[in-house]
């Protein structure tokens, strides 16, 4: 599925290979994609750019993406947090946010993105 009007996605992922795979997937959905590989760039991007949805890696080269999560929540930007680690503590602190485990299932990722962008009903 592609969108009639261009939508923008922010991807915050410290692994360049994962970022490229996610970028390709989102571009194939018709999204413009902004990529940030670290916490500082991500926080700057949130301040400087407009986007419709975000995909955030929880661990960014040893730093927590918690400041990014708080900034996105403050701006009411829908997002998904991804991690190869345990997401339970995050779910306790932020029960309202969506998560996806790595390695990523691209079909599940696409569905989450569509739900966040309002293209599909929320199936929770």
N, C-alpha and C. Protein backbone atom coordinates (compact mmCIF):
# COMPACT_ATOMS: atom_id res chain seq x y z
N UNK A 1 0.83 -1.18 0.00
CA UNK A 1 0.00 0.00 0.00
C UNK A 1 0.88 1.24 0.00
N UNK A 2 0.51 2.22 -0.79
CA UNK A 2 1.19 3.50 -0.77
C UNK A 2 0.18 4.57 -0.40
N UNK A 3 0.67 5.73 -0.02
CA UNK A 3 -0.18 6.81 0.42
C UNK A 3 -0.36 7.84 -0.68
N UNK A 4 -1.57 8.45 -0.72
CA UNK A 4 -1.86 9.44 -1.75
C UNK A 4 -1.02 10.70 -1.56
N UNK A 5 -0.86 11.14 -0.32
CA UNK A 5 0.00 12.27 -0.03
C UNK A 5 1.25 11.75 0.65
N UNK A 6 2.40 12.37 0.36
CA UNK A 6 3.67 11.91 0.91
C UNK A 6 3.66 12.03 2.42
N UNK A 7 3.99 10.97 3.07
CA UNK A 7 4.14 10.94 4.53
C UNK A 7 5.62 10.76 4.83
N UNK A 8 6.07 11.27 5.98
CA UNK A 8 7.48 11.18 6.37
C UNK A 8 7.62 10.33 7.62
N UNK A 9 8.65 9.53 7.62
CA UNK A 9 8.97 8.68 8.76
C UNK A 9 10.38 8.99 9.24
N UNK A 10 10.55 9.04 10.55
CA UNK A 10 11.87 9.17 11.15
C UNK A 10 12.28 7.80 11.66
N UNK A 11 13.47 7.36 11.26
CA UNK A 11 14.03 6.09 11.74
C UNK A 11 15.28 6.43 12.55
N UNK A 12 15.30 5.99 13.80
CA UNK A 12 16.47 6.19 14.66
C UNK A 12 17.01 4.80 14.97
N UNK A 13 18.12 4.47 14.33
CA UNK A 13 18.72 3.13 14.41
C UNK A 13 20.22 3.26 14.29
N UNK A 14 20.96 2.71 15.25
CA UNK A 14 22.42 2.86 15.25
C UNK A 14 23.14 1.87 14.35
N UNK A 15 22.47 0.85 13.88
CA UNK A 15 23.09 -0.11 12.97
C UNK A 15 22.74 0.31 11.53
N UNK A 16 23.73 0.75 10.76
CA UNK A 16 23.45 1.24 9.40
C UNK A 16 22.78 0.21 8.50
N UNK A 17 23.11 -1.07 8.67
CA UNK A 17 22.48 -2.10 7.82
C UNK A 17 20.99 -2.22 8.14
N UNK A 18 20.65 -2.28 9.41
CA UNK A 18 19.24 -2.34 9.81
C UNK A 18 18.52 -1.08 9.34
N UNK A 19 19.16 0.08 9.50
CA UNK A 19 18.55 1.33 9.06
C UNK A 19 18.25 1.31 7.56
N UNK A 20 19.18 0.78 6.76
CA UNK A 20 18.96 0.71 5.31
C UNK A 20 17.82 -0.24 4.95
N UNK A 21 17.73 -1.38 5.63
CA UNK A 21 16.65 -2.33 5.35
C UNK A 21 15.30 -1.71 5.71
N UNK A 22 15.24 -1.06 6.86
CA UNK A 22 14.00 -0.41 7.28
C UNK A 22 13.66 0.72 6.31
N UNK A 23 14.66 1.50 5.94
CA UNK A 23 14.43 2.60 5.00
C UNK A 23 13.85 2.08 3.69
N UNK A 24 14.42 1.02 3.14
CA UNK A 24 13.90 0.43 1.89
C UNK A 24 12.45 -0.01 2.05
N UNK A 25 12.15 -0.66 3.16
CA UNK A 25 10.79 -1.13 3.42
C UNK A 25 9.82 0.04 3.46
N UNK A 26 10.18 1.09 4.20
CA UNK A 26 9.29 2.24 4.32
C UNK A 26 9.17 3.01 3.02
N UNK A 27 10.27 3.14 2.29
CA UNK A 27 10.20 3.82 0.98
C UNK A 27 9.31 3.04 0.01
N UNK A 28 9.37 1.71 0.07
CA UNK A 28 8.50 0.89 -0.78
C UNK A 28 7.03 1.05 -0.41
N UNK A 29 6.76 1.52 0.79
CA UNK A 29 5.39 1.82 1.21
C UNK A 29 4.96 3.21 0.75
N UNK A 30 5.90 3.97 0.17
CA UNK A 30 5.58 5.31 -0.30
C UNK A 30 5.92 6.42 0.68
N UNK A 31 6.69 6.11 1.72
CA UNK A 31 7.06 7.11 2.72
C UNK A 31 8.39 7.77 2.38
N UNK A 32 8.51 9.04 2.70
CA UNK A 32 9.82 9.69 2.74
C UNK A 32 10.44 9.27 4.06
N UNK A 33 11.74 9.04 4.08
CA UNK A 33 12.38 8.52 5.29
C UNK A 33 13.57 9.38 5.68
N UNK A 34 13.61 9.76 6.95
CA UNK A 34 14.75 10.43 7.54
C UNK A 34 15.44 9.42 8.45
N UNK A 35 16.76 9.31 8.37
CA UNK A 35 17.51 8.35 9.19
C UNK A 35 18.45 9.11 10.12
N UNK A 36 18.43 8.74 11.38
CA UNK A 36 19.41 9.23 12.35
C UNK A 36 20.04 8.02 13.02
N UNK A 37 21.37 8.07 13.17
CA UNK A 37 22.11 6.93 13.69
C UNK A 37 22.50 7.08 15.16
N UNK A 38 22.17 8.22 15.78
CA UNK A 38 22.53 8.41 17.18
C UNK A 38 21.52 9.30 17.90
N UNK A 39 21.65 9.34 19.21
CA UNK A 39 20.71 10.05 20.06
C UNK A 39 20.71 11.56 19.79
N UNK A 40 21.87 12.17 19.71
CA UNK A 40 21.96 13.62 19.51
C UNK A 40 21.31 14.04 18.20
N UNK A 41 21.63 13.32 17.11
CA UNK A 41 21.04 13.65 15.81
C UNK A 41 19.52 13.46 15.83
N UNK A 42 19.07 12.41 16.51
CA UNK A 42 17.62 12.15 16.58
C UNK A 42 16.90 13.28 17.30
N UNK A 43 17.44 13.72 18.42
CA UNK A 43 16.81 14.82 19.16
C UNK A 43 16.81 16.10 18.34
N UNK A 44 17.88 16.36 17.62
CA UNK A 44 17.94 17.53 16.74
C UNK A 44 16.91 17.43 15.63
N UNK A 45 16.78 16.23 15.06
CA UNK A 45 15.82 16.01 13.96
C UNK A 45 14.38 16.25 14.43
N UNK A 46 14.09 15.81 15.64
CA UNK A 46 12.74 15.99 16.19
C UNK A 46 12.43 17.48 16.33
N UNK A 47 13.43 18.26 16.73
CA UNK A 47 13.25 19.71 16.88
C UNK A 47 13.13 20.42 15.53
N UNK A 48 13.87 19.94 14.52
CA UNK A 48 14.00 20.69 13.27
C UNK A 48 13.07 20.24 12.14
N UNK A 49 12.59 19.02 12.19
CA UNK A 49 11.86 18.47 11.05
C UNK A 49 10.44 18.09 11.42
N UNK A 50 9.65 17.95 10.38
CA UNK A 50 8.29 17.46 10.56
C UNK A 50 8.20 16.06 9.96
N UNK A 51 7.55 15.17 10.67
CA UNK A 51 7.33 13.82 10.17
C UNK A 51 6.07 13.29 10.82
N UNK A 52 5.53 12.22 10.23
CA UNK A 52 4.24 11.69 10.64
C UNK A 52 4.32 10.51 11.59
N UNK A 53 5.44 9.81 11.56
CA UNK A 53 5.59 8.59 12.33
C UNK A 53 7.08 8.36 12.56
N UNK A 54 7.41 7.59 13.61
CA UNK A 54 8.82 7.30 13.88
C UNK A 54 9.00 5.84 14.29
N UNK A 55 10.19 5.35 14.03
CA UNK A 55 10.60 4.00 14.43
C UNK A 55 11.92 4.17 15.17
N UNK A 56 11.95 3.81 16.44
CA UNK A 56 13.07 4.12 17.32
C UNK A 56 13.68 2.84 17.87
N UNK A 57 15.00 2.70 17.72
CA UNK A 57 15.74 1.62 18.37
C UNK A 57 15.94 2.03 19.83
N UNK A 58 15.64 1.15 20.76
CA UNK A 58 15.71 1.47 22.18
C UNK A 58 17.13 1.73 22.65
N UNK A 59 18.09 0.98 22.13
CA UNK A 59 19.49 1.15 22.52
C UNK A 59 20.30 1.73 21.39
N UNK A 60 20.89 2.88 21.63
CA UNK A 60 21.66 3.58 20.60
C UNK A 60 23.11 3.68 21.02
N UNK A 61 23.90 2.68 20.63
CA UNK A 61 25.32 2.62 20.97
C UNK A 61 25.55 2.83 22.46
N UNK A 62 24.81 2.08 23.25
CA UNK A 62 24.97 2.12 24.69
C UNK A 62 24.15 3.20 25.39
N UNK A 63 23.47 4.03 24.63
CA UNK A 63 22.62 5.06 25.22
C UNK A 63 21.16 4.68 25.06
N UNK A 64 20.37 5.01 26.05
CA UNK A 64 18.94 4.76 25.99
C UNK A 64 18.27 5.80 25.09
N UNK A 65 17.29 5.35 24.34
CA UNK A 65 16.52 6.25 23.48
C UNK A 65 15.38 6.91 24.26
N UNK A 66 15.38 6.77 25.57
CA UNK A 66 14.31 7.35 26.40
C UNK A 66 14.09 8.84 26.11
N UNK A 67 15.14 9.68 25.96
CA UNK A 67 14.88 11.10 25.63
C UNK A 67 14.13 11.28 24.31
N UNK A 68 14.40 10.41 23.35
CA UNK A 68 13.68 10.47 22.07
C UNK A 68 12.22 10.08 22.28
N UNK A 69 11.99 9.05 23.07
CA UNK A 69 10.62 8.61 23.38
C UNK A 69 9.85 9.76 24.03
N UNK A 70 10.46 10.39 25.01
CA UNK A 70 9.80 11.50 25.71
C UNK A 70 9.50 12.67 24.77
N UNK A 71 10.45 12.98 23.87
CA UNK A 71 10.24 14.07 22.91
C UNK A 71 9.10 13.75 21.96
N UNK A 72 9.01 12.50 21.50
CA UNK A 72 7.93 12.11 20.59
C UNK A 72 6.58 12.13 21.30
N UNK A 73 6.55 11.64 22.53
CA UNK A 73 5.31 11.68 23.31
C UNK A 73 4.87 13.12 23.52
N UNK A 74 5.82 14.01 23.84
CA UNK A 74 5.51 15.42 24.07
C UNK A 74 4.91 16.07 22.84
N UNK A 75 5.31 15.62 21.64
CA UNK A 75 4.81 16.19 20.40
C UNK A 75 3.65 15.40 19.79
N UNK A 76 3.22 14.36 20.50
CA UNK A 76 2.11 13.50 20.03
C UNK A 76 2.37 12.90 18.66
N UNK A 77 3.62 12.51 18.42
CA UNK A 77 3.99 11.85 17.16
C UNK A 77 3.92 10.35 17.39
N UNK A 78 3.14 9.62 16.61
CA UNK A 78 3.07 8.17 16.79
C UNK A 78 4.39 7.50 16.44
N UNK A 79 4.73 6.46 17.20
CA UNK A 79 6.00 5.78 16.97
C UNK A 79 5.97 4.35 17.48
N UNK A 80 6.97 3.60 17.03
CA UNK A 80 7.19 2.22 17.45
C UNK A 80 8.61 2.15 17.98
N UNK A 81 8.79 1.45 19.10
CA UNK A 81 10.12 1.22 19.64
C UNK A 81 10.51 -0.21 19.30
N UNK A 82 11.72 -0.37 18.77
CA UNK A 82 12.22 -1.70 18.43
C UNK A 82 13.45 -2.01 19.26
N UNK A 83 13.65 -3.28 19.55
CA UNK A 83 14.81 -3.70 20.33
C UNK A 83 15.03 -5.19 20.17
N UNK A 84 16.30 -5.56 20.26
CA UNK A 84 16.65 -6.97 20.30
C UNK A 84 16.70 -7.48 21.73
N UNK A 85 16.48 -6.59 22.68
CA UNK A 85 16.51 -6.95 24.09
C UNK A 85 15.12 -7.05 24.69
N UNK A 86 15.09 -7.05 25.98
CA UNK A 86 13.85 -7.18 26.74
C UNK A 86 13.10 -5.84 26.75
N UNK A 87 11.87 -5.87 26.30
CA UNK A 87 11.05 -4.66 26.24
C UNK A 87 10.06 -4.54 27.40
N UNK A 88 10.11 -5.48 28.35
CA UNK A 88 9.12 -5.48 29.43
C UNK A 88 9.19 -4.24 30.32
N UNK A 89 10.39 -3.80 30.69
CA UNK A 89 10.49 -2.63 31.56
C UNK A 89 9.98 -1.38 30.85
N UNK A 90 10.21 -1.29 29.56
CA UNK A 90 9.69 -0.18 28.77
C UNK A 90 8.16 -0.20 28.77
N UNK A 91 7.59 -1.39 28.62
CA UNK A 91 6.13 -1.53 28.60
C UNK A 91 5.52 -1.15 29.95
N UNK A 92 6.25 -1.38 31.04
CA UNK A 92 5.76 -0.99 32.35
C UNK A 92 5.77 0.53 32.48
N UNK A 93 6.87 1.16 32.05
CA UNK A 93 7.00 2.60 32.16
C UNK A 93 6.09 3.35 31.18
N UNK A 94 5.97 2.82 29.97
CA UNK A 94 5.18 3.47 28.92
C UNK A 94 4.20 2.45 28.31
N UNK A 95 3.13 2.12 29.02
CA UNK A 95 2.23 1.08 28.51
C UNK A 95 1.51 1.45 27.22
N UNK A 96 1.49 2.74 26.88
CA UNK A 96 0.76 3.18 25.69
C UNK A 96 1.55 3.05 24.39
N UNK A 97 2.84 2.78 24.46
CA UNK A 97 3.62 2.77 23.22
C UNK A 97 3.68 1.39 22.60
N UNK A 98 3.85 1.38 21.30
CA UNK A 98 3.94 0.14 20.53
C UNK A 98 5.39 -0.29 20.45
N UNK A 99 5.61 -1.60 20.45
CA UNK A 99 6.96 -2.14 20.36
C UNK A 99 7.01 -3.26 19.34
N UNK A 100 8.22 -3.51 18.85
CA UNK A 100 8.47 -4.64 17.96
C UNK A 100 9.86 -5.17 18.27
N UNK A 101 9.99 -6.48 18.28
CA UNK A 101 11.27 -7.11 18.62
C UNK A 101 12.12 -7.32 17.38
N UNK A 102 13.43 -7.25 17.59
CA UNK A 102 14.39 -7.59 16.55
C UNK A 102 14.80 -9.05 16.75
N UNK A 103 15.12 -9.78 15.72
CA UNK A 103 15.14 -9.33 14.33
C UNK A 103 13.73 -8.98 13.86
N UNK A 104 13.66 -7.96 13.03
CA UNK A 104 12.38 -7.42 12.59
C UNK A 104 11.67 -8.33 11.60
N UNK A 105 10.39 -8.46 11.81
CA UNK A 105 9.49 -9.10 10.86
C UNK A 105 8.93 -7.96 10.01
N UNK A 106 9.36 -7.86 8.77
CA UNK A 106 9.00 -6.71 7.93
C UNK A 106 7.50 -6.62 7.68
N UNK A 107 6.83 -7.75 7.60
CA UNK A 107 5.38 -7.72 7.41
C UNK A 107 4.72 -7.09 8.63
N UNK A 108 5.16 -7.48 9.83
CA UNK A 108 4.62 -6.90 11.06
C UNK A 108 4.96 -5.42 11.15
N UNK A 109 6.17 -5.05 10.75
CA UNK A 109 6.57 -3.65 10.77
C UNK A 109 5.68 -2.83 9.85
N UNK A 110 5.44 -3.32 8.65
CA UNK A 110 4.57 -2.60 7.72
C UNK A 110 3.18 -2.40 8.32
N UNK A 111 2.63 -3.44 8.92
CA UNK A 111 1.30 -3.33 9.50
C UNK A 111 1.27 -2.31 10.64
N UNK A 112 2.30 -2.34 11.48
CA UNK A 112 2.38 -1.34 12.56
C UNK A 112 2.43 0.08 12.00
N UNK A 113 3.23 0.28 10.98
CA UNK A 113 3.34 1.61 10.39
C UNK A 113 2.00 2.06 9.81
N UNK A 114 1.32 1.17 9.13
CA UNK A 114 0.02 1.51 8.57
C UNK A 114 -0.99 1.84 9.67
N UNK A 115 -0.96 1.08 10.74
CA UNK A 115 -1.86 1.37 11.87
C UNK A 115 -1.55 2.74 12.46
N UNK A 116 -0.28 3.04 12.65
CA UNK A 116 0.10 4.32 13.24
C UNK A 116 -0.27 5.49 12.33
N UNK A 117 -0.23 5.27 11.04
CA UNK A 117 -0.58 6.32 10.09
C UNK A 117 -2.08 6.38 9.80
N UNK A 118 -2.83 5.51 10.43
CA UNK A 118 -4.28 5.55 10.27
C UNK A 118 -4.80 4.88 9.03
N UNK A 119 -3.94 4.11 8.34
CA UNK A 119 -4.37 3.43 7.11
C UNK A 119 -5.10 2.13 7.41
N UNK A 120 -4.89 1.59 8.60
CA UNK A 120 -5.58 0.37 9.01
C UNK A 120 -6.19 0.61 10.38
N UNK A 121 -7.27 -0.09 10.70
CA UNK A 121 -7.79 0.04 12.06
C UNK A 121 -6.79 -0.55 13.05
N UNK A 122 -6.81 -0.02 14.25
CA UNK A 122 -5.97 -0.56 15.31
C UNK A 122 -6.54 -1.92 15.70
N UNK A 123 -5.73 -2.95 15.57
CA UNK A 123 -6.22 -4.32 15.79
C UNK A 123 -5.96 -4.83 17.19
N UNK A 124 -5.57 -3.95 18.12
CA UNK A 124 -5.28 -4.39 19.50
C UNK A 124 -6.50 -4.94 20.17
